[in-house]
């Protein structure tokens, strides 16, 4: 029986002042976070994981 292993990583990020920002303008805050993820995090994932981000909470 051959065992096939895969490397997995979990990323959790904390946003300073998120509650204040979201209460002031939730839509804009979420849009900004999605943009930052696309600009900063997704390129790093692409380099290390053939471009796959699985089970991302921001995709919901």
Protein backbone atom coordinates (compact mmCIF):
# COMPACT_ATOMS: atom_id res chain seq x y z
CA UNK A 1 0.00 0.00 0.00
CA UNK A 2 1.52 3.31 -1.12
CA UNK A 3 1.05 6.37 1.06
CA UNK A 4 0.54 9.73 -0.69
CA UNK A 5 1.26 12.77 1.49
CA UNK A 6 0.45 16.40 0.80
CA UNK A 7 1.79 19.48 2.49
CA UNK A 8 -0.84 21.86 3.90
CA UNK A 9 -0.61 25.27 5.52
CA UNK A 10 -3.10 27.39 7.44
CA UNK A 11 -2.94 31.16 7.38
CA UNK A 12 -4.75 33.25 9.97
CA UNK A 13 -4.53 37.02 9.94
CA UNK A 14 -5.60 39.62 12.47
CA UNK A 15 -6.64 43.08 11.32
CA UNK A 16 -5.97 45.88 13.77
CA UNK A 17 -9.10 47.99 14.17
CA UNK A 18 -11.29 45.63 12.12
CA UNK A 19 -14.38 46.07 14.33
CA UNK A 20 -14.11 49.84 14.12
CA UNK A 21 -13.54 49.78 10.36
CA UNK A 22 -16.37 47.30 9.72
CA UNK A 23 -18.83 49.20 11.88
CA UNK A 24 -18.02 52.41 9.99
CA UNK A 25 -18.31 50.86 6.50
CA UNK A 26 -18.56 47.07 6.33
CA UNK A 27 -18.74 46.81 2.55
CA UNK A 28 -15.68 48.97 1.97
CA UNK A 29 -13.74 47.15 4.70
CA UNK A 30 -14.46 43.72 3.18
CA UNK A 31 -13.64 44.96 -0.31
CA UNK A 32 -10.32 46.35 0.92
CA UNK A 33 -9.44 43.07 2.67
CA UNK A 34 -10.23 41.08 -0.47
CA UNK A 35 -8.04 43.42 -2.50
CA UNK A 36 -5.18 43.10 -0.04
CA UNK A 37 -5.46 39.30 -0.11
CA UNK A 38 -5.44 39.32 -3.91
CA UNK A 39 -2.47 41.67 -4.07
CA UNK A 40 -0.33 40.30 -1.22
CA UNK A 41 -1.28 36.75 -0.27
CA UNK A 42 -2.46 35.14 -3.51
CA UNK A 43 0.84 35.74 -5.36
CA UNK A 44 2.75 34.00 -2.56
CA UNK A 45 0.35 31.05 -2.64
CA UNK A 46 0.78 30.84 -6.41
CA UNK A 47 4.56 30.59 -6.10
CA UNK A 48 4.45 27.85 -3.48
CA UNK A 49 1.35 25.87 -4.41
CA UNK A 50 0.90 25.98 -8.17
CA UNK A 51 -1.69 28.73 -7.77
CA UNK A 52 -4.17 26.86 -5.58
CA UNK A 53 -5.82 28.35 -2.51
CA UNK A 54 -8.30 25.86 -1.13
CA UNK A 55 -11.11 26.48 1.36
CA UNK A 56 -10.53 30.22 1.55
CA UNK A 57 -13.02 31.89 3.88
CA UNK A 58 -13.03 35.01 1.72
CA UNK A 59 -14.51 33.05 -1.19
CA UNK A 60 -17.80 32.64 0.67
